Amino acid sequence: MKKILLLEDDEILYETLIELLEAEGFEVVHVKDGKEALDATFVSQFDLMLLDVNVPFINGFEFLEELREVGNKIPAIFLTALTDIASLSRGFEIGADDYIKKPFDFDELLVRIKALLKKRYSSKKIEVANFVFDTENEELYKDGKFVKLTPYEKIIAKLFFQNIGKTVSKYELLDVLNEGCEMSEGALRVHINSLRKIGLPIVTLRGVGYRFEEA
């Protein structure tokens, strides 16, 4: 289930959007101001953000600009009544993926959301820093050069590239790896360390699992 952060302070609109998005199978976390939005990004991982601009404390532009400055690349769509070219330009300059002017058609919004998610998460080649992973051929490239991986390392790398910024438990990894044969937690750590030596940004979350950081 894809998780969406909704930053919107208009009660009628956000209630309608929550109902619409949940009916389409999305999990929605709603916040009314930019400070709440920042707090939400610290405690949850989102697949997409829907952002109003004119919200209290930290406006939508400032919120997204702050996220982009620290390397957060979660897809973002602005939903705003601002129609001037300057606002439109600023939205894209700070890293918006799309910009929809209010009032908008809800069916059009759904089309744009699904198109953006498909573009971002269904790509056969996923980039992180100076690495590219070809999910179709299960091939890793660093600075454009092919990196040879063992069969188990390919499986682990693919899972991480498909879950950038999300926590992957050791049990999830072992479930995937154990389809071929039984693997111990010790053996898993050995494979993880081998991928780290290549330079992949894998962070250990003690007692929980691992996270593949995009920054």
N, C-alpha and C. Protein backbone atom coordinates (compact mmCIF):
# COMPACT_ATOMS: atom_id res chain seq x y z
N MET A 1 0.84 -1.20 0.00
CA MET A 1 0.00 0.00 0.00
C MET A 1 0.88 1.25 0.00
N LYS A 2 0.67 2.15 -0.95
CA LYS A 2 1.44 3.38 -1.04
C LYS A 2 0.93 4.39 0.00
N LYS A 3 1.89 5.08 0.63
CA LYS A 3 1.55 6.04 1.68
C LYS A 3 1.73 7.46 1.16
N ILE A 4 0.70 8.27 1.32
CA ILE A 4 0.70 9.65 0.84
C ILE A 4 0.64 10.63 2.01
N LEU A 5 1.52 11.64 1.95
CA LEU A 5 1.44 12.75 2.91
C LEU A 5 0.59 13.85 2.28
N LEU A 6 -0.48 14.25 2.96
CA LEU A 6 -1.37 15.29 2.47
C LEU A 6 -1.24 16.52 3.36
N LEU A 7 -0.71 17.60 2.79
CA LEU A 7 -0.59 18.87 3.50
C LEU A 7 -1.66 19.81 2.96
N GLU A 8 -2.71 19.99 3.75
CA GLU A 8 -3.86 20.79 3.30
C GLU A 8 -4.63 21.27 4.53
N ASP A 9 -4.97 22.58 4.57
CA ASP A 9 -5.68 23.10 5.74
C ASP A 9 -7.15 23.42 5.47
N ASP A 10 -7.62 23.20 4.25
CA ASP A 10 -9.03 23.41 3.94
C ASP A 10 -9.80 22.15 4.33
N GLU A 11 -10.66 22.27 5.36
CA GLU A 11 -11.31 21.09 5.93
C GLU A 11 -12.16 20.33 4.91
N ILE A 12 -12.96 21.01 4.14
CA ILE A 12 -13.81 20.33 3.17
C ILE A 12 -12.97 19.60 2.14
N LEU A 13 -11.90 20.25 1.66
CA LEU A 13 -11.06 19.64 0.63
C LEU A 13 -10.28 18.45 1.19
N TYR A 14 -9.67 18.61 2.38
CA TYR A 14 -8.86 17.48 2.85
C TYR A 14 -9.72 16.28 3.24
N GLU A 15 -10.93 16.53 3.75
CA GLU A 15 -11.80 15.39 4.05
C GLU A 15 -12.20 14.65 2.78
N THR A 16 -12.46 15.42 1.73
CA THR A 16 -12.83 14.82 0.44
C THR A 16 -11.66 14.04 -0.14
N LEU A 17 -10.46 14.62 -0.08
CA LEU A 17 -9.28 13.96 -0.62
C LEU A 17 -8.94 12.69 0.14
N ILE A 18 -9.04 12.74 1.45
CA ILE A 18 -8.76 11.54 2.25
C ILE A 18 -9.71 10.41 1.86
N GLU A 19 -10.99 10.74 1.75
CA GLU A 19 -11.98 9.72 1.38
C GLU A 19 -11.70 9.16 -0.01
N LEU A 20 -11.38 10.04 -0.94
CA LEU A 20 -11.09 9.63 -2.31
C LEU A 20 -9.86 8.73 -2.38
N LEU A 21 -8.77 9.15 -1.74
CA LEU A 21 -7.51 8.42 -1.82
C LEU A 21 -7.58 7.09 -1.10
N GLU A 22 -8.26 7.06 0.05
CA GLU A 22 -8.38 5.79 0.77
C GLU A 22 -9.25 4.81 0.00
N ALA A 23 -10.25 5.31 -0.71
CA ALA A 23 -11.09 4.44 -1.54
C ALA A 23 -10.29 3.83 -2.69
N GLU A 24 -9.19 4.51 -3.07
CA GLU A 24 -8.32 4.01 -4.15
C GLU A 24 -7.20 3.11 -3.61
N GLY A 25 -7.22 2.87 -2.30
CA GLY A 25 -6.26 1.95 -1.72
C GLY A 25 -4.99 2.59 -1.17
N PHE A 26 -4.96 3.93 -1.07
CA PHE A 26 -3.79 4.61 -0.53
C PHE A 26 -3.93 4.78 0.98
N GLU A 27 -2.80 4.78 1.67
CA GLU A 27 -2.78 5.16 3.08
C GLU A 27 -2.46 6.65 3.13
N VAL A 28 -3.27 7.42 3.85
CA VAL A 28 -3.10 8.88 3.86
C VAL A 28 -2.77 9.37 5.26
N VAL A 29 -1.70 10.16 5.35
CA VAL A 29 -1.36 10.86 6.59
C VAL A 29 -1.62 12.34 6.34
N HIS A 30 -2.56 12.92 7.07
CA HIS A 30 -2.96 14.30 6.83
C HIS A 30 -2.37 15.24 7.89
N VAL A 31 -1.85 16.37 7.41
CA VAL A 31 -1.36 17.42 8.31
C VAL A 31 -1.88 18.76 7.80
N LYS A 32 -1.99 19.73 8.73
CA LYS A 32 -2.59 21.02 8.37
C LYS A 32 -1.59 22.16 8.22
N ASP A 33 -0.34 21.95 8.64
CA ASP A 33 0.64 23.02 8.51
C ASP A 33 2.02 22.44 8.22
N GLY A 34 2.94 23.33 7.82
CA GLY A 34 4.26 22.89 7.41
C GLY A 34 5.09 22.26 8.51
N LYS A 35 4.91 22.73 9.75
CA LYS A 35 5.65 22.14 10.87
C LYS A 35 5.23 20.69 11.09
N GLU A 36 3.92 20.46 11.05
CA GLU A 36 3.41 19.09 11.19
C GLU A 36 3.93 18.21 10.06
N ALA A 37 4.00 18.78 8.86
CA ALA A 37 4.47 18.03 7.70
C ALA A 37 5.92 17.59 7.90
N LEU A 38 6.77 18.51 8.37
CA LEU A 38 8.17 18.16 8.63
C LEU A 38 8.27 17.07 9.68
N ASP A 39 7.51 17.20 10.75
CA ASP A 39 7.52 16.19 11.80
C ASP A 39 7.12 14.82 11.24
N ALA A 40 6.12 14.83 10.36
CA ALA A 40 5.63 13.57 9.78
C ALA A 40 6.71 12.88 8.96
N THR A 41 7.52 13.67 8.24
CA THR A 41 8.58 13.06 7.40
C THR A 41 9.69 12.47 8.24
N PHE A 42 9.80 12.89 9.51
CA PHE A 42 10.83 12.33 10.38
C PHE A 42 10.43 10.98 10.95
N VAL A 43 9.12 10.73 11.05
CA VAL A 43 8.65 9.50 11.70
C VAL A 43 8.08 8.48 10.71
N SER A 44 7.80 8.90 9.48
CA SER A 44 7.21 7.98 8.50
C SER A 44 7.90 8.13 7.14
N GLN A 45 7.85 7.05 6.37
CA GLN A 45 8.35 7.08 5.00
C GLN A 45 7.16 7.18 4.05
N PHE A 46 7.21 8.15 3.14
CA PHE A 46 6.10 8.37 2.21
C PHE A 46 6.51 8.04 0.78
N ASP A 47 5.51 7.64 0.00
CA ASP A 47 5.75 7.35 -1.41
C ASP A 47 5.44 8.56 -2.29
N LEU A 48 4.63 9.49 -1.76
CA LEU A 48 4.25 10.67 -2.53
C LEU A 48 3.69 11.72 -1.58
N MET A 49 3.84 13.00 -1.97
CA MET A 49 3.30 14.09 -1.15
C MET A 49 2.39 14.98 -1.99
N LEU A 50 1.23 15.34 -1.41
CA LEU A 50 0.32 16.30 -2.00
C LEU A 50 0.37 17.55 -1.13
N LEU A 51 0.78 18.68 -1.70
CA LEU A 51 1.09 19.84 -0.88
C LEU A 51 0.32 21.09 -1.31
N ASP A 52 -0.41 21.66 -0.35
CA ASP A 52 -0.95 23.00 -0.54
C ASP A 52 0.19 23.98 -0.29
N VAL A 53 0.10 25.18 -0.82
CA VAL A 53 1.16 26.18 -0.62
C VAL A 53 0.86 27.07 0.57
N ASN A 54 -0.33 27.67 0.59
CA ASN A 54 -0.66 28.62 1.64
C ASN A 54 -1.19 27.92 2.89
N VAL A 55 -0.25 27.41 3.70
CA VAL A 55 -0.59 26.75 4.96
C VAL A 55 0.19 27.44 6.08
N PRO A 56 -0.25 27.28 7.33
CA PRO A 56 0.40 28.00 8.45
C PRO A 56 1.84 27.58 8.72
N PHE A 57 2.57 28.48 9.39
CA PHE A 57 3.92 28.30 9.93
C PHE A 57 4.98 28.16 8.83
N ILE A 58 4.99 27.05 8.13
CA ILE A 58 5.92 26.86 7.02
C ILE A 58 5.08 26.57 5.79
N ASN A 59 5.17 27.42 4.76
CA ASN A 59 4.31 27.18 3.60
C ASN A 59 4.82 26.00 2.77
N GLY A 60 4.00 25.58 1.83
CA GLY A 60 4.32 24.41 1.04
C GLY A 60 5.63 24.51 0.27
N PHE A 61 5.91 25.70 -0.28
CA PHE A 61 7.17 25.92 -1.00
C PHE A 61 8.37 25.74 -0.06
N GLU A 62 8.29 26.38 1.10
CA GLU A 62 9.40 26.32 2.06
C GLU A 62 9.60 24.89 2.57
N PHE A 63 8.48 24.20 2.79
CA PHE A 63 8.55 22.81 3.26
C PHE A 63 9.29 21.93 2.26
N LEU A 64 8.88 21.99 0.98
CA LEU A 64 9.51 21.14 -0.02
C LEU A 64 10.97 21.54 -0.24
N GLU A 65 11.23 22.85 -0.23
CA GLU A 65 12.60 23.32 -0.43
C GLU A 65 13.52 22.78 0.67
N GLU A 66 13.02 22.76 1.89
CA GLU A 66 13.82 22.24 3.01
C GLU A 66 14.09 20.75 2.84
N LEU A 67 13.10 20.00 2.39
CA LEU A 67 13.30 18.56 2.18
C LEU A 67 14.31 18.30 1.06
N ARG A 68 14.17 19.04 -0.05
CA ARG A 68 15.08 18.83 -1.17
C ARG A 68 16.52 19.19 -0.81
N GLU A 69 16.70 20.16 0.04
CA GLU A 69 18.05 20.59 0.44
C GLU A 69 18.78 19.50 1.22
N VAL A 70 18.04 18.62 1.89
CA VAL A 70 18.68 17.54 2.64
C VAL A 70 18.64 16.22 1.87
N GLY A 71 18.30 16.30 0.58
CA GLY A 71 18.36 15.11 -0.27
C GLY A 71 17.11 14.27 -0.34
N ASN A 72 16.00 14.75 0.25
CA ASN A 72 14.75 14.00 0.19
C ASN A 72 14.13 14.16 -1.20
N LYS A 73 13.90 13.03 -1.89
CA LYS A 73 13.42 13.08 -3.26
C LYS A 73 12.03 12.47 -3.43
N ILE A 74 11.26 12.41 -2.36
CA ILE A 74 9.90 11.87 -2.46
C ILE A 74 9.11 12.67 -3.49
N PRO A 75 8.44 12.02 -4.45
CA PRO A 75 7.66 12.75 -5.45
C PRO A 75 6.64 13.68 -4.79
N ALA A 76 6.50 14.89 -5.34
CA ALA A 76 5.61 15.89 -4.75
C ALA A 76 4.76 16.57 -5.80
N ILE A 77 3.47 16.72 -5.48
CA ILE A 77 2.53 17.44 -6.34
C ILE A 77 1.96 18.61 -5.55
N PHE A 78 2.06 19.82 -6.10
CA PHE A 78 1.44 20.97 -5.45
C PHE A 78 -0.02 21.07 -5.87
N LEU A 79 -0.89 21.28 -4.89
CA LEU A 79 -2.31 21.53 -5.13
C LEU A 79 -2.57 22.95 -4.63
N THR A 80 -2.72 23.90 -5.52
CA THR A 80 -2.78 25.29 -5.07
C THR A 80 -3.66 26.17 -5.95
N ALA A 81 -4.16 27.23 -5.33
CA ALA A 81 -4.97 28.21 -6.06
C ALA A 81 -4.09 29.26 -6.74
N LEU A 82 -2.78 29.23 -6.45
CA LEU A 82 -1.87 30.18 -7.08
C LEU A 82 -1.73 29.86 -8.57
N THR A 83 -2.02 30.83 -9.40
CA THR A 83 -2.02 30.57 -10.85
C THR A 83 -1.00 31.41 -11.61
N ASP A 84 -0.26 32.26 -10.91
CA ASP A 84 0.70 33.11 -11.62
C ASP A 84 1.93 32.32 -12.04
N ILE A 85 2.58 32.78 -13.08
CA ILE A 85 3.74 32.10 -13.63
C ILE A 85 4.88 32.03 -12.62
N ALA A 86 5.04 33.09 -11.82
CA ALA A 86 6.13 33.10 -10.84
C ALA A 86 5.98 31.96 -9.83
N SER A 87 4.75 31.74 -9.37
CA SER A 87 4.51 30.65 -8.41
C SER A 87 4.72 29.29 -9.07
N LEU A 88 4.24 29.17 -10.29
CA LEU A 88 4.41 27.92 -11.03
C LEU A 88 5.90 27.61 -11.21
N SER A 89 6.65 28.63 -11.60
CA SER A 89 8.09 28.46 -11.83
C SER A 89 8.80 28.08 -10.54
N ARG A 90 8.45 28.74 -9.45
CA ARG A 90 9.11 28.45 -8.18
C ARG A 90 8.84 27.02 -7.74
N GLY A 91 7.59 26.57 -7.93
CA GLY A 91 7.25 25.21 -7.54
C GLY A 91 8.14 24.18 -8.21
N PHE A 92 8.36 24.34 -9.50
CA PHE A 92 9.20 23.38 -10.23
C PHE A 92 10.68 23.58 -9.91
N GLU A 93 11.09 24.82 -9.70
CA GLU A 93 12.50 25.10 -9.40
C GLU A 93 12.96 24.46 -8.10
N ILE A 94 12.08 24.39 -7.11
CA ILE A 94 12.48 23.81 -5.82
C ILE A 94 12.30 22.30 -5.77
N GLY A 95 11.79 21.71 -6.86
CA GLY A 95 11.76 20.26 -6.91
C GLY A 95 10.41 19.59 -6.98
N ALA A 96 9.35 20.34 -7.31
CA ALA A 96 8.04 19.70 -7.48
C ALA A 96 8.03 18.83 -8.73
N ASP A 97 7.28 17.74 -8.68
CA ASP A 97 7.15 16.86 -9.84
C ASP A 97 5.92 17.20 -10.67
N ASP A 98 4.95 17.85 -10.06
CA ASP A 98 3.73 18.24 -10.78
C ASP A 98 3.07 19.39 -10.02
N TYR A 99 2.14 20.07 -10.69
CA TYR A 99 1.54 21.29 -10.14
C TYR A 99 0.12 21.36 -10.66
N ILE A 100 -0.87 21.24 -9.77
CA ILE A 100 -2.26 21.23 -10.18
C ILE A 100 -2.97 22.44 -9.57
N LYS A 101 -3.64 23.19 -10.41
CA LYS A 101 -4.31 24.41 -9.95
C LYS A 101 -5.71 24.09 -9.43
N LYS A 102 -6.04 24.68 -8.29
CA LYS A 102 -7.40 24.55 -7.74
C LYS A 102 -8.34 25.52 -8.45
N PRO A 103 -9.61 25.15 -8.62
CA PRO A 103 -10.18 23.82 -8.35
C PRO A 103 -9.76 22.83 -9.42
N PHE A 104 -9.66 21.58 -9.05
CA PHE A 104 -9.21 20.56 -10.00
C PHE A 104 -10.20 19.40 -10.01
N ASP A 105 -10.12 18.61 -11.06
CA ASP A 105 -10.96 17.43 -11.21
C ASP A 105 -10.31 16.27 -10.44
N PHE A 106 -11.05 15.61 -9.58
CA PHE A 106 -10.48 14.54 -8.77
C PHE A 106 -9.98 13.37 -9.61
N ASP A 107 -10.68 13.09 -10.70
CA ASP A 107 -10.22 12.00 -11.58
C ASP A 107 -8.88 12.35 -12.21
N GLU A 108 -8.71 13.63 -12.56
CA GLU A 108 -7.43 14.06 -13.13
C GLU A 108 -6.31 13.92 -12.09
N LEU A 109 -6.62 14.28 -10.85
CA LEU A 109 -5.63 14.14 -9.79
C LEU A 109 -5.20 12.69 -9.63
N LEU A 110 -6.14 11.77 -9.64
CA LEU A 110 -5.81 10.35 -9.51
C LEU A 110 -4.94 9.87 -10.65
N VAL A 111 -5.25 10.34 -11.85
CA VAL A 111 -4.44 9.96 -13.02
C VAL A 111 -3.01 10.44 -12.84
N ARG A 112 -2.85 11.66 -12.38
CA ARG A 112 -1.50 12.22 -12.21
C ARG A 112 -0.74 11.52 -11.09
N ILE A 113 -1.45 11.21 -10.01
CA ILE A 113 -0.81 10.49 -8.89
C ILE A 113 -0.30 9.14 -9.36
N LYS A 114 -1.15 8.39 -10.03
CA LYS A 114 -0.78 7.04 -10.47
C LYS A 114 0.34 7.08 -11.51
N ALA A 115 0.30 8.09 -12.38
CA ALA A 115 1.34 8.22 -13.41
C ALA A 115 2.69 8.53 -12.76
N LEU A 116 2.67 9.41 -11.76
CA LEU A 116 3.91 9.78 -11.08
C LEU A 116 4.49 8.61 -10.29
N LEU A 117 3.62 7.87 -9.61
CA LEU A 117 4.08 6.71 -8.85
C LEU A 117 4.65 5.63 -9.78
N LYS A 118 3.99 5.44 -10.90
CA LYS A 118 4.47 4.44 -11.86
C LYS A 118 5.82 4.84 -12.42
N LYS A 119 5.97 6.11 -12.74
CA LYS A 119 7.23 6.61 -13.29
C LYS A 119 8.36 6.46 -12.29
N ARG A 120 8.06 6.75 -11.03
CA ARG A 120 9.11 6.73 -10.01
C ARG A 120 9.47 5.32 -9.57
N TYR A 121 8.45 4.47 -9.36
CA TYR A 121 8.71 3.20 -8.71
C TYR A 121 8.68 1.98 -9.65
N SER A 122 8.35 2.19 -10.92
CA SER A 122 8.33 1.06 -11.84
C SER A 122 9.48 1.10 -12.83
N SER A 123 10.36 2.04 -12.65
CA SER A 123 11.50 2.16 -13.55
C SER A 123 12.37 0.91 -13.45
N LYS A 124 12.89 0.45 -14.59
CA LYS A 124 13.76 -0.72 -14.60
C LYS A 124 15.16 -0.36 -14.11
N LYS A 125 15.52 0.92 -14.20
CA LYS A 125 16.83 1.36 -13.74
C LYS A 125 16.63 2.39 -12.63
N ILE A 126 17.17 2.06 -11.46
CA ILE A 126 16.99 2.91 -10.29
C ILE A 126 18.34 3.50 -9.91
N GLU A 127 18.38 4.81 -9.72
CA GLU A 127 19.62 5.51 -9.40
C GLU A 127 19.66 5.94 -7.94
N VAL A 128 20.81 5.72 -7.32
CA VAL A 128 21.08 6.22 -5.98
C VAL A 128 22.54 6.66 -5.97
N ALA A 129 22.74 7.97 -5.74
CA ALA A 129 24.09 8.54 -5.75
C ALA A 129 24.79 8.18 -7.05
N ASN A 130 25.95 7.54 -6.98
CA ASN A 130 26.70 7.18 -8.20
C ASN A 130 26.45 5.74 -8.63
N PHE A 131 25.36 5.15 -8.08
CA PHE A 131 25.01 3.77 -8.43
C PHE A 131 23.74 3.74 -9.29
N VAL A 132 23.68 2.75 -10.19
CA VAL A 132 22.48 2.46 -10.97
C VAL A 132 22.24 0.96 -10.89
N PHE A 133 21.00 0.57 -10.54
CA PHE A 133 20.67 -0.85 -10.51
C PHE A 133 19.61 -1.13 -11.56
N ASP A 134 19.92 -2.05 -12.46
CA ASP A 134 19.00 -2.49 -13.51
C ASP A 134 18.19 -3.65 -12.93
N THR A 135 16.94 -3.38 -12.56
CA THR A 135 16.13 -4.41 -11.89
C THR A 135 15.73 -5.54 -12.83
N GLU A 136 15.65 -5.25 -14.12
CA GLU A 136 15.26 -6.29 -15.08
C GLU A 136 16.37 -7.32 -15.25
N ASN A 137 17.60 -6.85 -15.36
CA ASN A 137 18.73 -7.75 -15.57
C ASN A 137 19.50 -8.04 -14.29
N GLU A 138 19.07 -7.39 -13.18
CA GLU A 138 19.73 -7.54 -11.89
C GLU A 138 21.22 -7.26 -12.00
N GLU A 139 21.53 -6.08 -12.52
CA GLU A 139 22.91 -5.65 -12.71
C GLU A 139 23.15 -4.33 -11.99
N LEU A 140 24.30 -4.24 -11.33
CA LEU A 140 24.67 -3.04 -10.60
C LEU A 140 25.81 -2.32 -11.31
N TYR A 141 25.70 -1.00 -11.40
CA TYR A 141 26.74 -0.18 -12.02
C TYR A 141 27.15 0.91 -11.05
N LYS A 142 28.44 1.16 -10.95
CA LYS A 142 28.98 2.23 -10.12
C LYS A 142 29.81 3.15 -11.00
N ASP A 143 29.43 4.42 -11.06
CA ASP A 143 30.09 5.39 -11.94
C ASP A 143 30.12 4.89 -13.38
N GLY A 144 29.04 4.20 -13.76
CA GLY A 144 28.91 3.72 -15.12
C GLY A 144 29.61 2.40 -15.39
N LYS A 145 30.30 1.85 -14.39
CA LYS A 145 31.04 0.59 -14.59
C LYS A 145 30.32 -0.56 -13.91
N PHE A 146 30.27 -1.70 -14.59
CA PHE A 146 29.58 -2.89 -14.08
C PHE A 146 30.26 -3.40 -12.82
N VAL A 147 29.45 -3.73 -11.81
CA VAL A 147 29.94 -4.29 -10.55
C VAL A 147 29.45 -5.74 -10.44
N LYS A 148 30.38 -6.67 -10.33
CA LYS A 148 30.00 -8.08 -10.25
C LYS A 148 29.49 -8.40 -8.85
N LEU A 149 28.31 -9.03 -8.79
CA LEU A 149 27.71 -9.43 -7.52
C LEU A 149 27.48 -10.93 -7.50
N THR A 150 27.48 -11.51 -6.30
CA THR A 150 27.11 -12.91 -6.16
C THR A 150 25.59 -13.01 -6.30
N PRO A 151 25.06 -14.20 -6.53
CA PRO A 151 23.59 -14.34 -6.65
C PRO A 151 22.84 -13.79 -5.45
N TYR A 152 23.34 -14.04 -4.23
CA TYR A 152 22.66 -13.52 -3.04
C TYR A 152 22.77 -12.01 -2.95
N GLU A 153 23.92 -11.46 -3.31
CA GLU A 153 24.10 -10.01 -3.28
C GLU A 153 23.16 -9.33 -4.26
N LYS A 154 22.90 -9.95 -5.40
CA LYS A 154 21.95 -9.40 -6.38
C LYS A 154 20.56 -9.29 -5.77
N ILE A 155 20.14 -10.36 -5.08
CA ILE A 155 18.81 -10.38 -4.48
C ILE A 155 18.68 -9.28 -3.42
N ILE A 156 19.71 -9.17 -2.57
CA ILE A 156 19.68 -8.17 -1.50
C ILE A 156 19.70 -6.76 -2.09
N ALA A 157 20.59 -6.52 -3.04
CA ALA A 157 20.70 -5.19 -3.66
C ALA A 157 19.40 -4.79 -4.32
N LYS A 158 18.77 -5.71 -5.03
CA LYS A 158 17.51 -5.42 -5.71
C LYS A 158 16.44 -5.01 -4.71
N LEU A 159 16.36 -5.73 -3.60
CA LEU A 159 15.36 -5.42 -2.57
C LEU A 159 15.59 -4.04 -1.99
N PHE A 160 16.84 -3.68 -1.76
CA PHE A 160 17.15 -2.36 -1.21
C PHE A 160 16.83 -1.25 -2.22
N PHE A 161 17.20 -1.43 -3.47
CA PHE A 161 16.95 -0.41 -4.48
C PHE A 161 15.45 -0.20 -4.70
N GLN A 162 14.67 -1.24 -4.50
CA GLN A 162 13.22 -1.12 -4.66
C GLN A 162 12.54 -0.59 -3.41
N ASN A 163 13.30 -0.38 -2.34
CA ASN A 163 12.75 0.12 -1.08
C ASN A 163 13.62 1.24 -0.52
N ILE A 164 13.98 2.19 -1.38
CA ILE A 164 14.86 3.28 -0.97
C ILE A 164 14.23 4.08 0.17
N GLY A 165 15.00 4.30 1.23
CA GLY A 165 14.54 5.10 2.35
C GLY A 165 13.57 4.40 3.28
N LYS A 166 13.28 3.14 3.01
CA LYS A 166 12.33 2.40 3.86
C LYS A 166 13.08 1.35 4.67
N THR A 167 12.56 1.07 5.85
CA THR A 167 13.17 0.04 6.69
C THR A 167 12.82 -1.33 6.16
N VAL A 168 13.85 -2.15 5.96
CA VAL A 168 13.66 -3.54 5.52
C VAL A 168 14.14 -4.42 6.67
N SER A 169 13.23 -5.18 7.24
CA SER A 169 13.60 -6.01 8.38
C SER A 169 14.48 -7.18 7.94
N LYS A 170 15.25 -7.69 8.88
CA LYS A 170 16.11 -8.83 8.56
C LYS A 170 15.26 -10.05 8.20
N TYR A 171 14.03 -10.09 8.75
CA TYR A 171 13.15 -11.21 8.45
C TYR A 171 12.65 -11.16 7.00
N GLU A 172 12.40 -9.95 6.51
CA GLU A 172 12.02 -9.80 5.10
C GLU A 172 13.14 -10.29 4.20
N LEU A 173 14.35 -9.89 4.53
CA LEU A 173 15.51 -10.30 3.73
C LEU A 173 15.70 -11.82 3.77
N LEU A 174 15.59 -12.39 4.95
CA LEU A 174 15.78 -13.83 5.09
C LEU A 174 14.68 -14.61 4.38
N ASP A 175 13.45 -14.09 4.41
CA ASP A 175 12.36 -14.75 3.70
C ASP A 175 12.64 -14.83 2.21
N VAL A 176 13.13 -13.73 1.65
CA VAL A 176 13.44 -13.70 0.22
C VAL A 176 14.62 -14.62 -0.10
N LEU A 177 15.66 -14.54 0.71
CA LEU A 177 16.87 -15.33 0.46
C LEU A 177 16.65 -16.82 0.70
N ASN A 178 15.78 -17.16 1.63
CA ASN A 178 15.58 -18.56 1.98
C ASN A 178 14.71 -19.32 1.00
N GLU A 179 14.28 -18.66 -0.09
CA GLU A 179 13.53 -19.38 -1.11
C GLU A 179 14.42 -20.41 -1.79
N GLY A 180 15.73 -20.12 -1.82
CA GLY A 180 16.66 -21.08 -2.45
C GLY A 180 17.18 -22.09 -1.45
N CYS A 181 17.64 -21.61 -0.31
CA CYS A 181 18.12 -22.49 0.74
C CYS A 181 18.13 -21.70 2.05
N GLU A 182 18.32 -22.41 3.14
CA GLU A 182 18.31 -21.74 4.44
C GLU A 182 19.54 -20.85 4.61
N MET A 183 19.34 -19.64 5.10
CA MET A 183 20.45 -18.73 5.36
C MET A 183 20.35 -18.21 6.79
N SER A 184 21.47 -18.14 7.46
CA SER A 184 21.50 -17.66 8.83
C SER A 184 21.62 -16.14 8.86
N GLU A 185 21.35 -15.56 10.04
CA GLU A 185 21.50 -14.12 10.19
C GLU A 185 22.96 -13.72 10.03
N GLY A 186 23.86 -14.60 10.46
CA GLY A 186 25.29 -14.32 10.31
C GLY A 186 25.70 -14.23 8.85
N ALA A 187 25.19 -15.16 8.04
CA ALA A 187 25.50 -15.15 6.61
C ALA A 187 24.92 -13.90 5.95
N LEU A 188 23.72 -13.50 6.40
CA LEU A 188 23.11 -12.28 5.86
C LEU A 188 24.00 -11.07 6.13
N ARG A 189 24.53 -10.98 7.36
CA ARG A 189 25.40 -9.85 7.71
C ARG A 189 26.65 -9.82 6.84
N VAL A 190 27.17 -11.00 6.51
CA VAL A 190 28.35 -11.07 5.64
C VAL A 190 28.04 -10.47 4.26
N HIS A 191 26.87 -10.81 3.71
CA HIS A 191 26.48 -10.28 2.40
C HIS A 191 26.24 -8.77 2.47
N ILE A 192 25.62 -8.32 3.55
CA ILE A 192 25.38 -6.89 3.73
C ILE A 192 26.71 -6.13 3.78
N ASN A 193 27.67 -6.66 4.52
CA ASN A 193 28.97 -6.01 4.63
C ASN A 193 29.70 -5.97 3.30
N SER A 194 29.53 -7.01 2.49
CA SER A 194 30.15 -7.02 1.16
C SER A 194 29.58 -5.90 0.29
N LEU A 195 28.27 -5.67 0.38
CA LEU A 195 27.64 -4.59 -0.39
C LEU A 195 28.09 -3.23 0.14
N ARG A 196 28.29 -3.13 1.43
CA ARG A 196 28.78 -1.86 2.01
C ARG A 196 30.19 -1.55 1.49
N LYS A 197 31.02 -2.57 1.36
CA LYS A 197 32.39 -2.35 0.88
C LYS A 197 32.40 -1.80 -0.54
N ILE A 198 31.38 -2.15 -1.31
CA ILE A 198 31.25 -1.62 -2.66
C ILE A 198 30.92 -0.13 -2.60
N GLY A 199 30.25 0.26 -1.50
CA GLY A 199 29.88 1.66 -1.33
C GLY A 199 28.39 1.90 -1.19
N LEU A 200 27.59 0.83 -1.21
CA LEU A 200 26.14 1.02 -1.09
C LEU A 200 25.80 1.55 0.31
N PRO A 201 24.96 2.61 0.38
CA PRO A 201 24.66 3.27 1.66
C PRO A 201 23.62 2.50 2.49
N ILE A 202 24.03 1.38 3.05
CA ILE A 202 23.13 0.55 3.85
C ILE A 202 23.37 0.85 5.33
N VAL A 203 22.31 1.26 6.02
CA VAL A 203 22.41 1.61 7.44
C VAL A 203 21.75 0.51 8.27
N THR A 204 22.44 0.09 9.33
CA THR A 204 21.88 -0.92 10.24
C THR A 204 21.00 -0.25 11.29
N LEU A 205 19.80 -0.75 11.47
CA LEU A 205 18.90 -0.31 12.53
C LEU A 205 18.87 -1.44 13.55
N ARG A 206 19.65 -1.29 14.59
CA ARG A 206 19.88 -2.38 15.54
C ARG A 206 18.57 -2.97 16.07
N GLY A 207 18.45 -4.27 15.94
CA GLY A 207 17.29 -4.98 16.43
C GLY A 207 16.08 -4.93 15.51
N VAL A 208 16.21 -4.17 14.42
CA VAL A 208 15.07 -4.00 13.51
C VAL A 208 15.39 -4.53 12.11
N GLY A 209 16.46 -4.02 11.53
CA GLY A 209 16.80 -4.42 10.17
C GLY A 209 17.76 -3.43 9.54
N TYR A 210 17.44 -3.03 8.30
CA TYR A 210 18.34 -2.16 7.56
C TYR A 210 17.56 -1.11 6.79
N ARG A 211 18.27 -0.04 6.44
CA ARG A 211 17.68 0.99 5.59
C ARG A 211 18.70 1.41 4.55
N PHE A 212 18.21 1.51 3.32
CA PHE A 212 19.04 1.93 2.18
C PHE A 212 18.79 3.41 1.97
N GLU A 213 19.76 4.25 2.35
CA GLU A 213 19.58 5.71 2.32
C GLU A 213 19.87 6.27 0.94
N GLU A 214 19.02 7.22 0.52
CA GLU A 214 19.17 7.83 -0.80
C GLU A 214 20.21 8.94 -0.80
N ALA A 215 20.36 9.62 0.32
CA ALA A 215 21.28 10.77 0.37
C ALA A 215 22.73 10.31 0.27
